[in-house]
Amino acid sequence: MSITERVAYLKGLMEGMKVDAASDTGKLLAVMADILEDIALEIDDINENALDLAEEIDQLSDDLGDVEDFLDELCEDDDDECCCCDDDDCCCDDDGEPLFFEIKCPTCGGEFTVDEDVIALDSIKCPKCGETLEFDFDEDDEDGCCCGHDHE
């Protein structure tokens, strides 16, 4: 039995008991029954809204799952393009392998490869000419890519 039905039952009992609505006790019981009825109706409204919200949340969750599946499919394309920045040389790496970067020394033009740990040092010496090369790499920089990687 719902709260609304229980309040209606209570009001029916009061009528069946022929409670004198003019007496102090009758007035008190009548006001209390009206308050209980208002509370029961509010609770019914809240429950109905909660059910509606739950259905909307389920639908949003399903939609989000569809978006995640779509993005996963993009990342699994055979053409090895980055799913988030359309960059063939993207540094995104989902398989846990170290990332490598091609570096060109502006002084001697020498090219060499370094891994992400070397980039994190902020500067190194060129192995060909000894010139100090500085890297301006900020891991918190999310410009231009939804995955938070710097694709320079």
C-alpha atoms as a PDB file:
ATOM      1  CA  MET A   1       0.000   0.000   0.000  1.00  0.00           C
ATOM      2  CA  SER A   2       1.429   3.375  -1.013  1.00  0.00           C
ATOM      3  CA  ILE A   3       1.720   6.335   1.335  1.00  0.00           C
ATOM      4  CA  THR A   4      -1.066   8.119  -0.531  1.00  0.00           C
ATOM      5  CA  GLU A   5      -3.339   5.114  -0.100  1.00  0.00           C
ATOM      6  CA  ARG A   6      -2.476   4.869   3.603  1.00  0.00           C
ATOM      7  CA  VAL A   7      -3.354   8.555   4.140  1.00  0.00           C
ATOM      8  CA  ALA A   8      -6.670   8.034   2.312  1.00  0.00           C
ATOM      9  CA  TYR A   9      -7.321   5.044   4.592  1.00  0.00           C
ATOM     10  CA  LEU A  10      -6.560   7.206   7.656  1.00  0.00           C
ATOM     11  CA  LYS A  11      -8.998   9.890   6.461  1.00  0.00           C
ATOM     12  CA  GLY A  12     -11.627   7.183   5.889  1.00  0.00           C
ATOM     13  CA  LEU A  13     -11.118   5.908   9.437  1.00  0.00           C
ATOM     14  CA  MET A  14     -11.575   9.429  10.789  1.00  0.00           C
ATOM     15  CA  GLU A  15     -14.845   9.794   8.887  1.00  0.00           C
ATOM     16  CA  GLY A  16     -15.996   6.331   9.977  1.00  0.00           C
ATOM     17  CA  MET A  17     -15.224   7.160  13.616  1.00  0.00           C
ATOM     18  CA  LYS A  18     -17.298  10.315  13.206  1.00  0.00           C
ATOM     19  CA  VAL A  19     -14.582  12.511  14.672  1.00  0.00           C
ATOM     20  CA  ASP A  20     -16.142  15.877  15.493  1.00  0.00           C
ATOM     21  CA  ALA A  21     -14.387  18.365  13.204  1.00  0.00           C
ATOM     22  CA  ALA A  22     -15.591  21.204  15.458  1.00  0.00           C
ATOM     23  CA  SER A  23     -13.792  19.867  18.546  1.00  0.00           C
ATOM     24  CA  ASP A  24     -10.157  20.710  19.291  1.00  0.00           C
ATOM     25  CA  THR A  25      -9.079  17.098  18.848  1.00  0.00           C
ATOM     26  CA  GLY A  26     -11.064  16.805  15.591  1.00  0.00           C
ATOM     27  CA  LYS A  27      -9.476  20.002  14.207  1.00  0.00           C
ATOM     28  CA  LEU A  28      -6.004  18.755  15.133  1.00  0.00           C
ATOM     29  CA  LEU A  29      -6.544  15.349  13.512  1.00  0.00           C
ATOM     30  CA  ALA A  30      -8.045  16.926  10.352  1.00  0.00           C
ATOM     31  CA  VAL A  31      -5.058  19.291   9.938  1.00  0.00           C
ATOM     32  CA  MET A  32      -2.605  16.437  10.535  1.00  0.00           C
ATOM     33  CA  ALA A  33      -4.383  14.274   7.948  1.00  0.00           C
ATOM     34  CA  ASP A  34      -4.260  17.151   5.403  1.00  0.00           C
ATOM     35  CA  ILE A  35      -0.548  17.639   6.060  1.00  0.00           C
ATOM     36  CA  LEU A  36       0.074  13.904   5.649  1.00  0.00           C
ATOM     37  CA  GLU A  37      -1.859  13.966   2.368  1.00  0.00           C
ATOM     38  CA  ASP A  38       0.264  16.894   1.067  1.00  0.00           C
ATOM     39  CA  ILE A  39       3.465  15.088   2.092  1.00  0.00           C
ATOM     40  CA  ALA A  40       2.303  11.876   0.392  1.00  0.00           C
ATOM     41  CA  LEU A  41       1.526  13.750  -2.847  1.00  0.00           C
ATOM     42  CA  GLU A  42       4.959  15.451  -2.751  1.00  0.00           C
ATOM     43  CA  ILE A  43       6.652  12.081  -2.250  1.00  0.00           C
ATOM     44  CA  ASP A  44       4.712  10.641  -5.199  1.00  0.00           C
ATOM     45  CA  ASP A  45       5.874  13.557  -7.371  1.00  0.00           C
ATOM     46  CA  ILE A  46       9.491  13.102  -6.226  1.00  0.00           C
ATOM     47  CA  ASN A  47       9.351   9.360  -6.951  1.00  0.00           C
ATOM     48  CA  GLU A  48       7.899   9.989 -10.402  1.00  0.00           C
ATOM     49  CA  ASN A  49      10.616  12.568 -11.170  1.00  0.00           C
ATOM     50  CA  ALA A  50      13.310  10.176  -9.918  1.00  0.00           C
ATOM     51  CA  LEU A  51      12.051   7.444 -12.254  1.00  0.00           C
ATOM     52  CA  ASP A  52      11.998   9.878 -15.184  1.00  0.00           C
ATOM     53  CA  LEU A  53      15.552  10.994 -14.364  1.00  0.00           C
ATOM     54  CA  ALA A  54      16.727   7.400 -14.081  1.00  0.00           C
ATOM     55  CA  GLU A  55      15.364   6.686 -17.560  1.00  0.00           C
ATOM     56  CA  GLU A  56      17.108   9.788 -18.941  1.00  0.00           C
ATOM     57  CA  ILE A  57      20.388   8.802 -17.243  1.00  0.00           C
ATOM     58  CA  ASP A  58      20.125   5.319 -18.747  1.00  0.00           C
ATOM     59  CA  GLN A  59      19.579   6.849 -22.192  1.00  0.00           C
ATOM     60  CA  LEU A  60      22.534   9.230 -21.739  1.00  0.00           C
ATOM     61  CA  SER A  61      24.692   6.337 -20.583  1.00  0.00           C
ATOM     62  CA  ASP A  62      23.734   4.351 -23.682  1.00  0.00           C
ATOM     63  CA  ASP A  63      24.502   7.366 -25.892  1.00  0.00           C
ATOM     64  CA  LEU A  64      27.870   7.860 -24.206  1.00  0.00           C
ATOM     65  CA  GLY A  65      28.658   4.199 -24.754  1.00  0.00           C
ATOM     66  CA  ASP A  66      27.869   4.630 -28.448  1.00  0.00           C
ATOM     67  CA  VAL A  67      30.232   7.627 -28.630  1.00  0.00           C
ATOM     68  CA  GLU A  68      32.987   5.675 -26.843  1.00  0.00           C
ATOM     69  CA  ASP A  69      32.511   2.747 -29.236  1.00  0.00           C
ATOM     70  CA  PHE A  70      32.704   5.124 -32.209  1.00  0.00           C
ATOM     71  CA  LEU A  71      35.920   6.690 -30.920  1.00  0.00           C
ATOM     72  CA  ASP A  72      37.408   3.254 -30.220  1.00  0.00           C
ATOM     73  CA  GLU A  73      36.613   2.231 -33.799  1.00  0.00           C
ATOM     74  CA  LEU A  74      38.378   5.357 -35.081  1.00  0.00           C
ATOM     75  CA  CYS A  75      41.476   4.491 -33.057  1.00  0.00           C
ATOM     76  CA  GLU A  76      41.462   0.945 -34.416  1.00  0.00           C
ATOM     77  CA  ASP A  77      41.504   2.023 -38.075  1.00  0.00           C
ATOM     78  CA  ASP A  78      44.058   0.224 -40.199  1.00  0.00           C
ATOM     79  CA  ASP A  79      45.527   3.474 -41.549  1.00  0.00           C
ATOM     80  CA  ASP A  80      47.315   4.174 -38.219  1.00  0.00           C
ATOM     81  CA  GLU A  81      45.982   7.714 -37.972  1.00  0.00           C
ATOM     82  CA  CYS A  82      45.507   9.260 -34.570  1.00  0.00           C
ATOM     83  CA  CYS A  83      41.866   9.141 -33.562  1.00  0.00           C
ATOM     84  CA  CYS A  84      41.967  12.505 -31.872  1.00  0.00           C
ATOM     85  CA  CYS A  85      44.136  14.797 -33.990  1.00  0.00           C
ATOM     86  CA  ASP A  86      44.307  13.344 -37.559  1.00  0.00           C
ATOM     87  CA  ASP A  87      48.109  13.368 -37.307  1.00  0.00           C
ATOM     88  CA  ASP A  88      49.999  10.430 -38.853  1.00  0.00           C
ATOM     89  CA  ASP A  89      52.965  11.133 -36.542  1.00  0.00           C
ATOM     90  CA  CYS A  90      50.858  11.375 -33.402  1.00  0.00           C
ATOM     91  CA  CYS A  91      52.581  10.573 -30.136  1.00  0.00           C
ATOM     92  CA  CYS A  92      49.504   8.867 -28.684  1.00  0.00           C
ATOM     93  CA  ASP A  93      50.483   5.377 -27.662  1.00  0.00           C
ATOM     94  CA  ASP A  94      47.985   2.970 -26.211  1.00  0.00           C
ATOM     95  CA  ASP A  95      50.133  -0.172 -26.164  1.00  0.00           C
ATOM     96  CA  GLY A  96      52.515   0.871 -23.349  1.00  0.00           C
ATOM     97  CA  GLU A  97      55.589   0.961 -25.599  1.00  0.00           C
ATOM     98  CA  PRO A  98      57.974   3.924 -25.181  1.00  0.00           C
ATOM     99  CA  LEU A  99      57.453   6.865 -27.516  1.00  0.00           C
ATOM    100  CA  PHE A 100      60.294   8.018 -29.768  1.00  0.00           C
ATOM    101  CA  PHE A 101      60.802  11.458 -31.305  1.00  0.00           C
ATOM    102  CA  GLU A 102      62.912  12.534 -34.271  1.00  0.00           C
ATOM    103  CA  ILE A 103      65.068  15.544 -33.362  1.00  0.00           C
ATOM    104  CA  LYS A 104      66.866  17.825 -35.845  1.00  0.00           C
ATOM    105  CA  CYS A 105      69.657  19.980 -34.436  1.00  0.00           C
ATOM    106  CA  PRO A 106      69.202  23.585 -35.612  1.00  0.00           C
ATOM    107  CA  THR A 107      72.970  24.157 -35.476  1.00  0.00           C
ATOM    108  CA  CYS A 108      74.431  21.220 -37.427  1.00  0.00           C
ATOM    109  CA  GLY A 109      71.269  19.799 -39.020  1.00  0.00           C
ATOM    110  CA  GLY A 110      72.034  16.396 -37.561  1.00  0.00           C
ATOM    111  CA  GLU A 111      69.038  14.147 -36.975  1.00  0.00           C
ATOM    112  CA  PHE A 112      68.684  11.634 -34.171  1.00  0.00           C
ATOM    113  CA  THR A 113      65.972   9.792 -32.255  1.00  0.00           C
ATOM    114  CA  VAL A 114      65.215  10.159 -28.544  1.00  0.00           C
ATOM    115  CA  ASP A 115      62.603   8.575 -26.318  1.00  0.00           C
ATOM    116  CA  GLU A 116      60.074  10.313 -24.098  1.00  0.00           C
ATOM    117  CA  ASP A 117      62.332  10.061 -21.036  1.00  0.00           C
ATOM    118  CA  VAL A 118      65.035  12.124 -22.789  1.00  0.00           C
ATOM    119  CA  ILE A 119      62.448  14.723 -23.829  1.00  0.00           C
ATOM    120  CA  ALA A 120      61.383  14.983 -20.194  1.00  0.00           C
ATOM    121  CA  LEU A 121      64.923  16.179 -19.287  1.00  0.00           C
ATOM    122  CA  ASP A 122      64.104  19.536 -20.963  1.00  0.00           C
ATOM    123  CA  SER A 123      67.550  19.723 -22.643  1.00  0.00           C
ATOM    124  CA  ILE A 124      70.292  17.503 -24.069  1.00  0.00           C
ATOM    125  CA  LYS A 125      73.519  17.926 -26.009  1.00  0.00           C
ATOM    126  CA  CYS A 126      73.457  17.174 -29.714  1.00  0.00           C
ATOM    127  CA  PRO A 127      75.424  13.934 -30.193  1.00  0.00           C
ATOM    128  CA  LYS A 128      76.892  15.287 -33.464  1.00  0.00           C
ATOM    129  CA  CYS A 129      78.027  18.817 -32.554  1.00  0.00           C
ATOM    130  CA  GLY A 130      77.608  19.086 -28.762  1.00  0.00           C
ATOM    131  CA  GLU A 131      75.203  22.041 -28.970  1.00  0.00           C
ATOM    132  CA  THR A 132      72.702  22.168 -26.042  1.00  0.00           C
ATOM    133  CA  LEU A 133      69.175  21.606 -27.306  1.00  0.00           C
ATOM    134  CA  GLU A 134      66.317  22.716 -25.103  1.00  0.00           C
ATOM    135  CA  PHE A 135      62.823  21.293 -25.216  1.00  0.00           C
ATOM    136  CA  ASP A 136      59.796  23.351 -24.324  1.00  0.00           C
ATOM    137  CA  PHE A 137      57.553  20.423 -23.430  1.00  0.00           C
ATOM    138  CA  ASP A 138      54.682  20.955 -20.984  1.00  0.00           C
ATOM    139  CA  GLU A 139      52.756  17.766 -20.127  1.00  0.00           C
ATOM    140  CA  ASP A 140      49.811  19.833 -18.852  1.00  0.00           C
ATOM    141  CA  ASP A 141      49.416  21.552 -22.226  1.00  0.00           C
ATOM    142  CA  GLU A 142      46.236  20.274 -23.824  1.00  0.00           C
ATOM    143  CA  ASP A 143      46.147  22.715 -26.756  1.00  0.00           C
ATOM    144  CA  GLY A 144      44.986  21.221 -30.001  1.00  0.00           C
ATOM    145  CA  CYS A 145      44.289  17.672 -28.921  1.00  0.00           C
ATOM    146  CA  CYS A 146      41.540  16.075 -26.927  1.00  0.00           C
ATOM    147  CA  CYS A 147      43.864  13.414 -25.534  1.00  0.00           C
ATOM    148  CA  GLY A 148      46.176  15.876 -23.762  1.00  0.00           C
ATOM    149  CA  HIS A 149      49.287  15.002 -25.768  1.00  0.00           C
ATOM    150  CA  ASP A 150      51.560  17.576 -27.344  1.00  0.00           C
ATOM    151  CA  HIS A 151      51.760  16.803 -31.060  1.00  0.00           C
ATOM    152  CA  GLU A 152      54.548  19.207 -32.101  1.00  0.00           C
END
